[in-house]
Amino acid sequence: MINSLKAMLVGDQAKVVGFNKTGKAYRKRLLAMGLTPGTEFKVTRFAPLGDPVEIKIRGFSLTLRKNEAEVLLVERI
């Protein structure tokens, strides 16, 4: 099932399946950060108010703001 990254919980593992069509402004930035379709990651933590979210991807930690995370479409593994 395809979800947004903000719907994930800490400890969930997922893979990138695409990008929301409304997020064209962030798409290039996310691709440049290594979030290409098929890439697997793990959600490591959320800030107390839910923004930002930290994920572990390709051996490093990446922090995304809520509006960037909404653009990313993911599938739980």
Foldseek 3Di string as FASTA:
>chain_A
DKDFQLPDDAFWKKAFAFWDPVPPVCVVVCVVVPRDGPWMWGWHDAPPVRAWTWIQGPHDIDIDGPVNRRGTIIDTD
